[in-house]
């Protein structure tokens, strides 16, 4: 990977319209995460040097496929240290992000990072998804569990009526590998290859899975 593009180059290629303020907020994530990760391990210490590409850029990849309208409500399930919710909250300051995880030390880090960057559109909660009773426009996640199992847990939390986002409301999951088995019970799903948009070896097998809520309503 010695000749692979760096984070700044990839960010500019993905989002050429990104303004200086949001770019600066994204860059500020690295020192904050490094400081917190030294105390509470939310990113593998072997992978912390790859934070910006393997975690921040991976999270931002969702925005290459869907543009969230202002006031869109997003629920990040199993956010860990704040992925994909925090990078997306930087990119979409007019949207509202709720980040949840059942492990308290991870939500502590996510909350501290959000505060450190000055994000006003992020709520971090220490809770299990089954405890959440509000409705959201999108549920987002990054390799938390099988897609069919996650959808079964969050289906009633998605408001299928939709807003003016570029995709109808639903579930967006960052995944890898063959998703055939875990998506058999889901209708009208779409798989997007991140490698088609990000020229970096890390993304060769990475995918975005979209499950539209309106065609997968719970019985």
N, C-alpha and C. Protein backbone atom coordinates (compact mmCIF):
# COMPACT_ATOMS: atom_id res chain seq x y z
N UNK A 1 0.80 -1.21 0.00
CA UNK A 1 0.00 0.00 0.00
C UNK A 1 0.85 1.28 0.00
N UNK A 2 2.15 1.12 -0.22
CA UNK A 2 3.03 2.29 -0.14
C UNK A 2 2.65 3.38 -1.12
N UNK A 3 2.13 2.97 -2.29
CA UNK A 3 1.77 3.95 -3.32
C UNK A 3 0.28 4.30 -3.30
N UNK A 4 -0.44 3.81 -2.31
CA UNK A 4 -1.87 4.10 -2.22
C UNK A 4 -2.09 5.56 -1.85
N UNK A 5 -3.15 6.17 -2.36
CA UNK A 5 -3.42 7.57 -2.03
C UNK A 5 -3.69 7.75 -0.54
N UNK A 6 -3.38 8.94 -0.02
CA UNK A 6 -3.61 9.21 1.40
C UNK A 6 -5.04 9.71 1.62
N UNK A 7 -5.37 9.96 2.88
CA UNK A 7 -6.74 10.35 3.22
C UNK A 7 -7.16 11.64 2.52
N UNK A 8 -6.31 12.65 2.54
CA UNK A 8 -6.66 13.94 1.94
C UNK A 8 -6.93 13.80 0.45
N UNK A 9 -6.12 13.01 -0.22
CA UNK A 9 -6.31 12.81 -1.66
C UNK A 9 -7.62 12.08 -1.93
N UNK A 10 -7.90 11.06 -1.15
CA UNK A 10 -9.14 10.31 -1.34
C UNK A 10 -10.35 11.16 -1.00
N UNK A 11 -10.26 11.95 0.05
CA UNK A 11 -11.37 12.82 0.45
C UNK A 11 -11.68 13.83 -0.65
N UNK A 12 -10.65 14.43 -1.22
CA UNK A 12 -10.84 15.42 -2.29
C UNK A 12 -11.46 14.78 -3.53
N UNK A 13 -11.06 13.54 -3.81
CA UNK A 13 -11.62 12.85 -4.98
C UNK A 13 -13.08 12.48 -4.76
N UNK A 14 -13.43 12.08 -3.53
CA UNK A 14 -14.80 11.67 -3.23
C UNK A 14 -15.74 12.85 -3.11
N UNK A 15 -15.27 13.92 -2.46
CA UNK A 15 -16.12 15.06 -2.15
C UNK A 15 -15.43 16.37 -2.54
N UNK A 16 -15.30 16.62 -3.84
CA UNK A 16 -14.61 17.84 -4.28
C UNK A 16 -15.29 19.13 -3.84
N UNK A 17 -16.57 19.03 -3.48
CA UNK A 17 -17.33 20.20 -3.07
C UNK A 17 -17.19 20.49 -1.57
N UNK A 18 -16.46 19.66 -0.84
CA UNK A 18 -16.35 19.80 0.61
C UNK A 18 -15.68 21.12 0.98
N UNK A 19 -16.32 21.88 1.88
CA UNK A 19 -15.75 23.17 2.27
C UNK A 19 -14.64 22.98 3.31
N UNK A 20 -13.88 24.07 3.51
CA UNK A 20 -12.70 24.01 4.37
C UNK A 20 -13.06 23.71 5.83
N UNK A 21 -14.20 24.22 6.29
CA UNK A 21 -14.59 24.01 7.69
C UNK A 21 -14.85 22.55 7.98
N UNK A 22 -15.61 21.89 7.12
CA UNK A 22 -15.90 20.48 7.35
C UNK A 22 -14.66 19.62 7.18
N UNK A 23 -13.81 19.98 6.21
CA UNK A 23 -12.55 19.25 6.03
C UNK A 23 -11.67 19.37 7.27
N UNK A 24 -11.66 20.54 7.88
CA UNK A 24 -10.87 20.75 9.10
C UNK A 24 -11.43 19.94 10.26
N UNK A 25 -12.76 19.86 10.35
CA UNK A 25 -13.38 19.06 11.41
C UNK A 25 -13.03 17.57 11.25
N UNK A 26 -13.03 17.11 10.02
CA UNK A 26 -12.66 15.72 9.77
C UNK A 26 -11.20 15.47 10.14
N UNK A 27 -10.33 16.38 9.77
CA UNK A 27 -8.91 16.23 10.12
C UNK A 27 -8.71 16.24 11.62
N UNK A 28 -9.55 16.99 12.34
CA UNK A 28 -9.42 17.09 13.79
C UNK A 28 -9.78 15.79 14.50
N UNK A 29 -10.46 14.89 13.81
CA UNK A 29 -10.84 13.63 14.43
C UNK A 29 -9.63 12.78 14.82
N UNK A 30 -8.60 12.84 14.01
CA UNK A 30 -7.46 11.93 14.25
C UNK A 30 -6.79 12.16 15.60
N UNK A 31 -6.36 13.37 15.95
CA UNK A 31 -5.72 13.52 17.26
C UNK A 31 -6.65 13.23 18.44
N UNK A 32 -7.93 13.53 18.28
CA UNK A 32 -8.88 13.26 19.37
C UNK A 32 -9.04 11.76 19.57
N UNK A 33 -9.20 11.03 18.47
CA UNK A 33 -9.32 9.58 18.59
C UNK A 33 -8.05 8.95 19.13
N UNK A 34 -6.91 9.43 18.70
CA UNK A 34 -5.64 8.88 19.20
C UNK A 34 -5.53 9.07 20.72
N UNK A 35 -5.89 10.25 21.17
CA UNK A 35 -5.82 10.52 22.61
C UNK A 35 -6.75 9.60 23.40
N UNK A 36 -7.98 9.48 22.94
CA UNK A 36 -8.94 8.64 23.66
C UNK A 36 -8.63 7.16 23.53
N UNK A 37 -8.14 6.75 22.37
CA UNK A 37 -7.87 5.33 22.15
C UNK A 37 -6.72 4.83 23.01
N UNK A 38 -5.85 5.74 23.41
CA UNK A 38 -4.77 5.36 24.32
C UNK A 38 -5.31 5.00 25.70
N UNK A 39 -6.50 5.52 26.03
CA UNK A 39 -7.13 5.25 27.32
C UNK A 39 -8.18 4.16 27.24
N UNK A 40 -9.02 4.25 26.22
CA UNK A 40 -10.11 3.28 26.03
C UNK A 40 -10.02 2.77 24.59
N UNK A 41 -9.75 1.50 24.45
CA UNK A 41 -9.47 0.93 23.13
C UNK A 41 -10.76 0.69 22.34
N UNK A 42 -11.08 1.62 21.42
CA UNK A 42 -12.25 1.43 20.56
C UNK A 42 -11.84 1.13 19.11
N UNK A 43 -10.57 1.41 18.80
CA UNK A 43 -9.99 1.04 17.51
C UNK A 43 -8.77 0.17 17.83
N UNK A 44 -8.62 -0.93 17.12
CA UNK A 44 -7.47 -1.79 17.36
C UNK A 44 -6.18 -0.97 17.32
N UNK A 45 -5.33 -1.19 18.31
CA UNK A 45 -4.08 -0.42 18.35
C UNK A 45 -3.20 -0.72 17.14
N UNK A 46 -3.39 -1.88 16.53
CA UNK A 46 -2.66 -2.20 15.30
C UNK A 46 -3.20 -1.41 14.11
N UNK A 47 -4.42 -0.88 14.27
CA UNK A 47 -5.09 -0.22 13.14
C UNK A 47 -5.20 1.29 13.34
N UNK A 48 -4.74 1.81 14.47
CA UNK A 48 -4.95 3.22 14.76
C UNK A 48 -4.24 4.11 13.74
N UNK A 49 -3.13 3.65 13.17
CA UNK A 49 -2.45 4.45 12.16
C UNK A 49 -3.23 4.53 10.86
N UNK A 50 -4.21 3.65 10.70
CA UNK A 50 -5.07 3.64 9.51
C UNK A 50 -6.44 4.24 9.80
N UNK A 51 -6.56 4.94 10.93
CA UNK A 51 -7.85 5.45 11.38
C UNK A 51 -8.59 6.23 10.30
N UNK A 52 -7.92 7.14 9.65
CA UNK A 52 -8.60 8.07 8.75
C UNK A 52 -9.16 7.38 7.51
N UNK A 53 -8.48 6.35 7.02
CA UNK A 53 -8.98 5.64 5.84
C UNK A 53 -9.88 4.48 6.23
N UNK A 54 -9.43 3.65 7.16
CA UNK A 54 -10.18 2.44 7.51
C UNK A 54 -11.45 2.72 8.30
N UNK A 55 -11.53 3.86 8.96
CA UNK A 55 -12.68 4.15 9.81
C UNK A 55 -13.42 5.42 9.39
N UNK A 56 -12.70 6.53 9.27
CA UNK A 56 -13.36 7.80 8.91
C UNK A 56 -13.82 7.77 7.46
N UNK A 57 -12.92 7.47 6.53
CA UNK A 57 -13.31 7.46 5.12
C UNK A 57 -14.30 6.35 4.83
N UNK A 58 -14.14 5.21 5.47
CA UNK A 58 -15.09 4.11 5.31
C UNK A 58 -16.49 4.57 5.70
N UNK A 59 -16.60 5.31 6.80
CA UNK A 59 -17.89 5.84 7.23
C UNK A 59 -18.46 6.82 6.22
N UNK A 60 -17.60 7.70 5.72
CA UNK A 60 -18.04 8.72 4.77
C UNK A 60 -18.50 8.13 3.44
N UNK A 61 -18.08 6.92 3.14
CA UNK A 61 -18.44 6.31 1.86
C UNK A 61 -19.94 6.23 1.65
N UNK A 62 -20.70 6.15 2.75
CA UNK A 62 -22.16 6.12 2.63
C UNK A 62 -22.65 7.33 1.84
N UNK A 63 -22.01 8.47 2.06
CA UNK A 63 -22.44 9.72 1.42
C UNK A 63 -22.13 9.76 -0.06
N UNK A 64 -21.39 8.78 -0.55
CA UNK A 64 -21.13 8.70 -1.99
C UNK A 64 -22.34 8.14 -2.73
N UNK A 65 -23.25 7.53 -1.96
CA UNK A 65 -24.40 6.85 -2.57
C UNK A 65 -25.73 7.49 -2.20
N UNK A 66 -25.77 8.22 -1.11
CA UNK A 66 -27.03 8.87 -0.70
C UNK A 66 -26.70 10.23 -0.10
N UNK A 67 -27.51 11.21 -0.48
CA UNK A 67 -27.39 12.55 0.10
C UNK A 67 -28.58 12.76 1.02
N UNK A 68 -28.29 13.00 2.29
CA UNK A 68 -29.36 13.17 3.28
C UNK A 68 -29.88 14.60 3.29
N UNK A 69 -31.20 14.74 3.21
CA UNK A 69 -31.83 16.06 3.23
C UNK A 69 -31.70 16.68 4.61
N UNK A 70 -31.74 18.00 4.72
CA UNK A 70 -31.73 18.65 6.03
C UNK A 70 -32.83 18.11 6.93
N UNK A 71 -32.53 17.99 8.21
CA UNK A 71 -33.43 17.48 9.25
C UNK A 71 -33.67 15.97 9.18
N UNK A 72 -32.93 15.28 8.33
CA UNK A 72 -33.03 13.82 8.32
C UNK A 72 -32.57 13.27 9.67
N UNK A 73 -33.33 12.30 10.19
CA UNK A 73 -33.02 11.69 11.48
C UNK A 73 -32.35 10.33 11.24
N UNK A 74 -31.15 10.16 11.78
CA UNK A 74 -30.39 8.93 11.55
C UNK A 74 -30.04 8.27 12.88
N UNK A 75 -30.21 6.95 12.94
CA UNK A 75 -29.87 6.16 14.10
C UNK A 75 -28.69 5.26 13.75
N UNK A 76 -27.57 5.46 14.43
CA UNK A 76 -26.37 4.65 14.23
C UNK A 76 -26.36 3.56 15.29
N UNK A 77 -26.60 2.32 14.87
CA UNK A 77 -26.72 1.19 15.78
C UNK A 77 -25.37 0.50 15.94
N UNK A 78 -24.96 0.30 17.21
CA UNK A 78 -23.66 -0.31 17.46
C UNK A 78 -22.53 0.58 17.01
N UNK A 79 -22.62 1.84 17.38
CA UNK A 79 -21.69 2.85 16.85
C UNK A 79 -20.24 2.65 17.30
N UNK A 80 -20.03 1.91 18.39
CA UNK A 80 -18.67 1.75 18.88
C UNK A 80 -18.11 3.10 19.30
N UNK A 81 -16.99 3.49 18.72
CA UNK A 81 -16.40 4.78 19.02
C UNK A 81 -16.97 5.93 18.21
N UNK A 82 -18.04 5.64 17.44
CA UNK A 82 -18.67 6.72 16.69
C UNK A 82 -18.68 6.55 15.19
N UNK A 83 -18.61 5.31 14.72
CA UNK A 83 -18.58 5.05 13.27
C UNK A 83 -19.80 4.22 12.86
N UNK A 84 -20.47 4.62 11.80
CA UNK A 84 -20.17 5.72 10.88
C UNK A 84 -20.74 7.08 11.26
N UNK A 85 -21.40 7.19 12.42
CA UNK A 85 -22.18 8.38 12.74
C UNK A 85 -21.41 9.68 12.80
N UNK A 86 -20.26 9.70 13.49
CA UNK A 86 -19.57 10.97 13.68
C UNK A 86 -19.02 11.55 12.38
N UNK A 87 -18.31 10.81 11.55
CA UNK A 87 -17.87 11.40 10.28
C UNK A 87 -19.04 11.90 9.42
N UNK A 88 -20.14 11.15 9.41
CA UNK A 88 -21.31 11.59 8.63
C UNK A 88 -21.95 12.83 9.23
N UNK A 89 -21.91 12.95 10.54
CA UNK A 89 -22.46 14.14 11.20
C UNK A 89 -21.66 15.38 10.84
N UNK A 90 -20.36 15.22 10.64
CA UNK A 90 -19.54 16.34 10.16
C UNK A 90 -19.95 16.72 8.75
N UNK A 91 -20.18 15.71 7.93
CA UNK A 91 -20.50 15.97 6.52
C UNK A 91 -21.90 16.55 6.35
N UNK A 92 -22.83 16.17 7.24
CA UNK A 92 -24.22 16.62 7.15
C UNK A 92 -24.62 17.35 8.43
N UNK A 93 -24.14 18.58 8.62
CA UNK A 93 -24.42 19.30 9.87
C UNK A 93 -25.88 19.65 10.08
N UNK A 94 -26.70 19.60 9.02
CA UNK A 94 -28.12 19.92 9.15
C UNK A 94 -28.99 18.71 9.45
N UNK A 95 -28.35 17.53 9.59
CA UNK A 95 -29.08 16.31 9.94
C UNK A 95 -28.87 16.00 11.42
N UNK A 96 -29.73 15.12 11.94
CA UNK A 96 -29.69 14.79 13.37
C UNK A 96 -29.30 13.32 13.55
N UNK A 97 -28.24 13.11 14.29
CA UNK A 97 -27.68 11.77 14.46
C UNK A 97 -27.81 11.31 15.90
N UNK A 98 -28.37 10.11 16.08
CA UNK A 98 -28.40 9.45 17.38
C UNK A 98 -27.51 8.22 17.30
N UNK A 99 -26.49 8.18 18.14
CA UNK A 99 -25.53 7.09 18.15
C UNK A 99 -25.75 6.25 19.40
N UNK A 100 -25.96 4.94 19.21
CA UNK A 100 -26.20 4.08 20.37
C UNK A 100 -25.24 2.89 20.36
N UNK A 101 -24.89 2.45 21.56
CA UNK A 101 -24.09 1.23 21.73
C UNK A 101 -24.37 0.69 23.12
N UNK A 102 -24.34 -0.62 23.25
CA UNK A 102 -24.64 -1.23 24.55
C UNK A 102 -23.42 -1.26 25.47
N UNK A 103 -22.25 -0.85 24.97
CA UNK A 103 -21.02 -0.84 25.77
C UNK A 103 -20.71 0.60 26.18
N UNK A 104 -20.81 0.87 27.46
CA UNK A 104 -20.71 2.23 27.95
C UNK A 104 -19.39 2.91 27.68
N UNK A 105 -18.28 2.18 27.76
CA UNK A 105 -16.99 2.83 27.54
C UNK A 105 -16.84 3.31 26.10
N UNK A 106 -17.51 2.63 25.18
CA UNK A 106 -17.45 3.06 23.78
C UNK A 106 -18.27 4.32 23.56
N UNK A 107 -19.45 4.38 24.17
CA UNK A 107 -20.26 5.60 24.02
C UNK A 107 -19.59 6.78 24.70
N UNK A 108 -18.82 6.52 25.75
CA UNK A 108 -18.06 7.59 26.40
C UNK A 108 -17.08 8.22 25.42
N UNK A 109 -16.40 7.38 24.66
CA UNK A 109 -15.45 7.89 23.66
C UNK A 109 -16.18 8.64 22.56
N UNK A 110 -17.26 8.05 22.05
CA UNK A 110 -18.00 8.70 20.97
C UNK A 110 -18.51 10.07 21.39
N UNK A 111 -19.03 10.16 22.60
CA UNK A 111 -19.54 11.44 23.10
C UNK A 111 -18.41 12.46 23.24
N UNK A 112 -17.27 12.01 23.72
CA UNK A 112 -16.13 12.91 23.89
C UNK A 112 -15.60 13.41 22.54
N UNK A 113 -15.57 12.53 21.56
CA UNK A 113 -15.11 12.94 20.24
C UNK A 113 -16.07 13.95 19.62
N UNK A 114 -17.37 13.67 19.71
CA UNK A 114 -18.37 14.60 19.17
C UNK A 114 -18.24 15.98 19.82
N UNK A 115 -18.03 15.98 21.14
CA UNK A 115 -17.87 17.25 21.85
C UNK A 115 -16.56 17.93 21.45
N UNK A 116 -15.51 17.13 21.29
CA UNK A 116 -14.22 17.69 20.94
C UNK A 116 -14.19 18.37 19.58
N UNK A 117 -14.98 17.84 18.65
CA UNK A 117 -15.06 18.44 17.32
C UNK A 117 -16.08 19.57 17.29
N UNK A 118 -16.91 19.65 18.33
CA UNK A 118 -17.91 20.71 18.39
C UNK A 118 -19.18 20.40 17.63
N UNK A 119 -19.52 19.12 17.53
CA UNK A 119 -20.73 18.73 16.80
C UNK A 119 -21.97 19.01 17.63
N UNK A 120 -22.91 19.75 17.06
CA UNK A 120 -24.16 20.09 17.75
C UNK A 120 -25.32 19.20 17.31
N UNK A 121 -25.06 18.32 16.36
CA UNK A 121 -26.13 17.51 15.76
C UNK A 121 -26.02 16.04 16.13
N UNK A 122 -25.30 15.75 17.22
CA UNK A 122 -25.05 14.36 17.62
C UNK A 122 -25.53 14.12 19.05
N UNK A 123 -26.28 13.03 19.23
CA UNK A 123 -26.70 12.55 20.54
C UNK A 123 -26.13 11.16 20.70
N UNK A 124 -25.44 10.90 21.80
CA UNK A 124 -24.83 9.59 22.05
C UNK A 124 -25.49 8.97 23.27
N UNK A 125 -25.98 7.73 23.10
CA UNK A 125 -26.70 7.06 24.19
C UNK A 125 -26.11 5.68 24.46
N UNK A 126 -26.00 5.36 25.74
CA UNK A 126 -25.59 4.02 26.16
C UNK A 126 -26.85 3.18 26.29
N UNK A 127 -27.20 2.47 25.23
CA UNK A 127 -28.41 1.66 25.25
C UNK A 127 -28.37 0.58 24.19
N UNK A 128 -29.19 -0.43 24.37
CA UNK A 128 -29.39 -1.46 23.37
C UNK A 128 -30.45 -0.99 22.39
N UNK A 129 -30.36 -1.42 21.14
CA UNK A 129 -31.33 -0.96 20.14
C UNK A 129 -32.76 -1.31 20.52
N UNK A 130 -32.95 -2.38 21.28
CA UNK A 130 -34.31 -2.76 21.68
C UNK A 130 -34.91 -1.79 22.70
N UNK A 131 -34.09 -0.93 23.28
CA UNK A 131 -34.59 0.07 24.24
C UNK A 131 -35.05 1.34 23.55
N UNK A 132 -34.66 1.53 22.31
CA UNK A 132 -35.00 2.77 21.59
C UNK A 132 -36.43 2.70 21.09
N UNK A 133 -37.21 3.75 21.32
CA UNK A 133 -38.61 3.76 20.94
C UNK A 133 -38.96 4.84 19.92
N UNK A 134 -38.03 5.69 19.59
CA UNK A 134 -38.31 6.74 18.61
C UNK A 134 -38.20 6.20 17.18
N UNK A 135 -38.66 7.00 16.23
CA UNK A 135 -38.59 6.61 14.83
C UNK A 135 -37.60 7.52 14.10
N UNK A 136 -36.94 6.95 13.10
CA UNK A 136 -35.88 7.64 12.37
C UNK A 136 -36.11 7.45 10.87
N UNK A 137 -35.45 8.29 10.10
CA UNK A 137 -35.55 8.16 8.64
C UNK A 137 -34.63 7.07 8.11
N UNK A 138 -33.45 6.98 8.70
CA UNK A 138 -32.48 5.96 8.30
C UNK A 138 -31.84 5.34 9.53
N UNK A 139 -31.60 4.04 9.44
CA UNK A 139 -30.73 3.35 10.38
C UNK A 139 -29.43 3.07 9.64
N UNK A 140 -28.31 3.40 10.28
CA UNK A 140 -27.01 3.16 9.68
C UNK A 140 -26.19 2.28 10.61
N UNK A 141 -25.27 1.50 10.03
CA UNK A 141 -24.42 0.66 10.86
C UNK A 141 -23.18 0.25 10.07
N UNK A 142 -22.21 -0.24 10.82
CA UNK A 142 -20.98 -0.70 10.19
C UNK A 142 -20.62 -2.07 10.75
N UNK A 143 -20.98 -3.11 10.00
CA UNK A 143 -20.62 -4.49 10.33
C UNK A 143 -20.96 -4.87 11.77
N UNK A 144 -22.18 -4.52 12.20
CA UNK A 144 -22.61 -4.82 13.57
C UNK A 144 -23.05 -6.28 13.69
N UNK A 145 -23.88 -6.74 12.74
CA UNK A 145 -24.39 -8.10 12.75
C UNK A 145 -24.94 -8.41 11.36
N UNK A 146 -25.47 -9.60 11.19
CA UNK A 146 -26.09 -9.96 9.92
C UNK A 146 -27.17 -8.95 9.56
N UNK A 147 -27.29 -8.65 8.27
CA UNK A 147 -28.24 -7.64 7.83
C UNK A 147 -29.68 -8.02 8.15
N UNK A 148 -30.05 -9.28 7.96
CA UNK A 148 -31.43 -9.68 8.23
C UNK A 148 -31.75 -9.60 9.72
N UNK A 149 -30.78 -9.95 10.55
CA UNK A 149 -31.00 -9.87 12.00
C UNK A 149 -31.10 -8.42 12.47
N UNK A 150 -30.27 -7.56 11.91
CA UNK A 150 -30.32 -6.16 12.29
C UNK A 150 -31.64 -5.53 11.83
N UNK A 151 -32.06 -5.85 10.61
CA UNK A 151 -33.31 -5.26 10.13
C UNK A 151 -34.50 -5.68 10.98
N UNK A 152 -34.48 -6.94 11.43
CA UNK A 152 -35.57 -7.41 12.30
C UNK A 152 -35.64 -6.60 13.58
N UNK A 153 -34.51 -6.12 14.07
CA UNK A 153 -34.47 -5.34 15.30
C UNK A 153 -34.89 -3.88 15.09
N UNK A 154 -34.58 -3.33 13.88
CA UNK A 154 -34.77 -1.89 13.69
C UNK A 154 -35.94 -1.53 12.79
N UNK A 155 -36.60 -2.51 12.19
CA UNK A 155 -37.64 -2.21 11.20
C UNK A 155 -38.71 -1.25 11.73
N UNK A 156 -39.13 -1.46 12.96
CA UNK A 156 -40.18 -0.61 13.53
C UNK A 156 -39.67 0.77 13.94
N UNK A 157 -38.37 0.95 13.89
CA UNK A 157 -37.78 2.25 14.24
C UNK A 157 -37.61 3.13 13.01
N UNK A 158 -37.88 2.60 11.82
CA UNK A 158 -37.71 3.36 10.59
C UNK A 158 -39.05 3.91 10.13
N UNK A 159 -39.11 5.20 9.95
CA UNK A 159 -40.30 5.87 9.42
C UNK A 159 -40.27 5.74 7.90
N UNK A 160 -41.12 4.90 7.36
CA UNK A 160 -41.07 4.59 5.93
C UNK A 160 -41.63 5.69 5.04
N UNK A 161 -42.23 6.72 5.61
CA UNK A 161 -42.86 7.75 4.79
C UNK A 161 -41.86 8.55 3.97
N UNK A 162 -40.67 8.72 4.48
CA UNK A 162 -39.62 9.35 3.70
C UNK A 162 -39.61 10.86 3.74
N UNK A 163 -38.45 11.41 3.43
CA UNK A 163 -38.30 12.85 3.30
C UNK A 163 -37.85 13.14 1.88
N UNK A 164 -36.96 14.09 1.73
CA UNK A 164 -36.50 14.47 0.39
C UNK A 164 -35.07 14.02 0.13
N UNK A 165 -34.61 12.99 0.87
CA UNK A 165 -33.27 12.47 0.62
C UNK A 165 -33.23 11.80 -0.75
N UNK A 166 -32.01 11.53 -1.22
CA UNK A 166 -31.88 10.97 -2.56
C UNK A 166 -32.27 9.51 -2.64
N UNK A 167 -32.50 8.86 -1.52
CA UNK A 167 -33.03 7.49 -1.46
C UNK A 167 -34.21 7.49 -0.50
N UNK A 168 -35.20 6.63 -0.73
CA UNK A 168 -36.27 6.47 0.25
C UNK A 168 -35.70 5.97 1.58
N UNK A 169 -36.40 6.23 2.64
CA UNK A 169 -35.93 5.83 3.97
C UNK A 169 -35.66 4.33 4.04
N UNK A 170 -34.71 3.97 4.91
CA UNK A 170 -34.37 2.56 5.04
C UNK A 170 -33.15 2.35 5.90
N UNK A 171 -32.51 1.21 5.70
CA UNK A 171 -31.32 0.82 6.46
C UNK A 171 -30.12 0.80 5.54
N UNK A 172 -29.01 1.36 6.00
CA UNK A 172 -27.76 1.42 5.25
C UNK A 172 -26.67 0.78 6.09
N UNK A 173 -26.07 -0.30 5.58
CA UNK A 173 -25.05 -1.03 6.33
C UNK A 173 -23.76 -1.12 5.53
N UNK A 174 -22.67 -0.78 6.16
CA UNK A 174 -21.35 -1.00 5.57
C UNK A 174 -20.94 -2.42 5.89
N UNK A 175 -20.68 -3.21 4.85
CA UNK A 175 -20.41 -4.64 5.02
C UNK A 175 -19.24 -5.04 4.13
N UNK A 176 -18.88 -6.32 4.22
CA UNK A 176 -17.84 -6.86 3.36
C UNK A 176 -18.15 -8.29 2.98
N UNK A 177 -17.59 -8.73 1.86
CA UNK A 177 -17.74 -10.12 1.45
C UNK A 177 -19.07 -10.43 0.79
N UNK A 178 -19.42 -11.71 0.77
CA UNK A 178 -20.65 -12.20 0.14
C UNK A 178 -21.83 -12.03 1.09
N UNK A 179 -22.82 -11.28 0.67
CA UNK A 179 -23.97 -10.98 1.53
C UNK A 179 -25.21 -11.81 1.18
N UNK A 180 -25.07 -12.77 0.29
CA UNK A 180 -26.22 -13.52 -0.21
C UNK A 180 -27.04 -14.15 0.90
N UNK A 181 -26.39 -14.86 1.79
CA UNK A 181 -27.10 -15.61 2.83
C UNK A 181 -27.85 -14.68 3.78
N UNK A 182 -27.21 -13.59 4.19
CA UNK A 182 -27.84 -12.73 5.21
C UNK A 182 -28.86 -11.76 4.64
N UNK A 183 -29.07 -11.77 3.33
CA UNK A 183 -30.06 -10.86 2.73
C UNK A 183 -31.21 -11.60 2.07
N UNK A 184 -31.27 -12.92 2.19
CA UNK A 184 -32.28 -13.71 1.48
C UNK A 184 -33.70 -13.32 1.84
N UNK A 185 -33.93 -12.92 3.07
CA UNK A 185 -35.29 -12.59 3.49
C UNK A 185 -35.67 -11.13 3.30
N UNK A 186 -34.81 -10.36 2.67
CA UNK A 186 -35.05 -8.93 2.49
C UNK A 186 -35.39 -8.62 1.04
N UNK A 187 -36.31 -7.68 0.84
CA UNK A 187 -36.81 -7.38 -0.50
C UNK A 187 -36.17 -6.11 -1.07
N UNK A 188 -35.96 -6.13 -2.40
CA UNK A 188 -35.52 -4.95 -3.14
C UNK A 188 -34.25 -4.31 -2.59
N UNK A 189 -33.38 -5.14 -2.06
CA UNK A 189 -32.12 -4.61 -1.54
C UNK A 189 -31.21 -4.18 -2.69
N UNK A 190 -30.30 -3.31 -2.37
CA UNK A 190 -29.28 -2.89 -3.34
C UNK A 190 -27.91 -3.01 -2.69
N UNK A 191 -26.97 -3.55 -3.43
CA UNK A 191 -25.58 -3.63 -2.98
C UNK A 191 -24.73 -2.70 -3.86
N UNK A 192 -23.90 -1.91 -3.21
CA UNK A 192 -23.01 -1.00 -3.93
C UNK A 192 -21.57 -1.34 -3.55
N UNK A 193 -20.71 -1.41 -4.53
CA UNK A 193 -19.30 -1.69 -4.29
C UNK A 193 -18.56 -0.38 -4.01
N UNK A 194 -17.91 -0.30 -2.86
CA UNK A 194 -17.14 0.90 -2.55
C UNK A 194 -15.92 1.03 -3.45
N UNK A 195 -15.42 -0.10 -3.93
CA UNK A 195 -14.24 -0.07 -4.79
C UNK A 195 -14.51 0.66 -6.10
N UNK A 196 -15.76 0.76 -6.51
CA UNK A 196 -16.10 1.49 -7.73
C UNK A 196 -15.90 2.99 -7.57
N UNK A 197 -15.78 3.44 -6.32
CA UNK A 197 -15.68 4.87 -6.05
C UNK A 197 -14.41 5.28 -5.30
N UNK A 198 -13.79 4.32 -4.63
CA UNK A 198 -12.62 4.65 -3.82
C UNK A 198 -11.45 3.79 -4.27
N UNK A 199 -10.45 4.42 -4.85
CA UNK A 199 -9.29 3.72 -5.42
C UNK A 199 -8.24 3.47 -4.34
N UNK A 200 -8.55 2.49 -3.48
CA UNK A 200 -7.63 2.13 -2.41
C UNK A 200 -7.82 0.65 -2.09
N UNK A 201 -6.73 -0.10 -1.88
CA UNK A 201 -6.86 -1.55 -1.66
C UNK A 201 -7.80 -1.95 -0.52
N UNK A 202 -7.90 -1.13 0.52
CA UNK A 202 -8.76 -1.47 1.66
C UNK A 202 -10.21 -1.67 1.25
N UNK A 203 -10.65 -0.98 0.21
CA UNK A 203 -12.07 -0.98 -0.17
C UNK A 203 -12.41 -2.03 -1.24
N UNK A 204 -11.47 -2.87 -1.60
CA UNK A 204 -11.70 -3.82 -2.69
C UNK A 204 -12.89 -4.75 -2.43
N UNK A 205 -13.10 -5.14 -1.19
CA UNK A 205 -14.20 -6.07 -0.87
C UNK A 205 -15.31 -5.40 -0.06
N UNK A 206 -15.23 -4.09 0.11
CA UNK A 206 -16.20 -3.39 0.94
C UNK A 206 -17.45 -3.01 0.15
N UNK A 207 -18.59 -3.09 0.82
CA UNK A 207 -19.87 -2.82 0.16
C UNK A 207 -20.76 -1.96 1.05
N UNK A 208 -21.73 -1.32 0.40
CA UNK A 208 -22.83 -0.67 1.12
C UNK A 208 -24.10 -1.42 0.76
N UNK A 209 -24.82 -1.85 1.77
CA UNK A 209 -26.09 -2.55 1.58
C UNK A 209 -27.22 -1.59 1.94
N UNK A 210 -28.18 -1.46 1.03
CA UNK A 210 -29.34 -0.59 1.26
C UNK A 210 -30.59 -1.45 1.29
N UNK A 211 -31.36 -1.31 2.37
CA UNK A 211 -32.62 -2.03 2.53
C UNK A 211 -33.73 -1.00 2.65
N UNK A 212 -34.57 -0.83 1.62
CA UNK A 212 -35.64 0.18 1.70
C UNK A 212 -36.72 -0.24 2.68
N UNK A 213 -37.14 0.70 3.51
CA UNK A 213 -38.12 0.37 4.55
C UNK A 213 -39.49 0.07 3.97
N UNK A 214 -39.91 0.82 2.99
CA UNK A 214 -41.28 0.72 2.50
C UNK A 214 -41.62 -0.66 1.95
N UNK A 215 -40.63 -1.40 1.44
CA UNK A 215 -40.90 -2.72 0.86
C UNK A 215 -40.51 -3.84 1.82
N UNK A 216 -40.09 -3.49 3.03
CA UNK A 216 -39.71 -4.50 4.02
C UNK A 216 -40.39 -4.23 5.35
N UNK A 217 -41.64 -3.80 5.27
CA UNK A 217 -42.36 -3.48 6.50
C UNK A 217 -42.59 -4.73 7.34
N UNK A 218 -42.45 -4.64 8.67
CA UNK A 218 -42.67 -5.80 9.53
C UNK A 218 -44.13 -6.24 9.51
N UNK A 219 -44.33 -7.53 9.62
CA UNK A 219 -45.69 -8.08 9.61
C UNK A 219 -46.37 -7.88 10.96
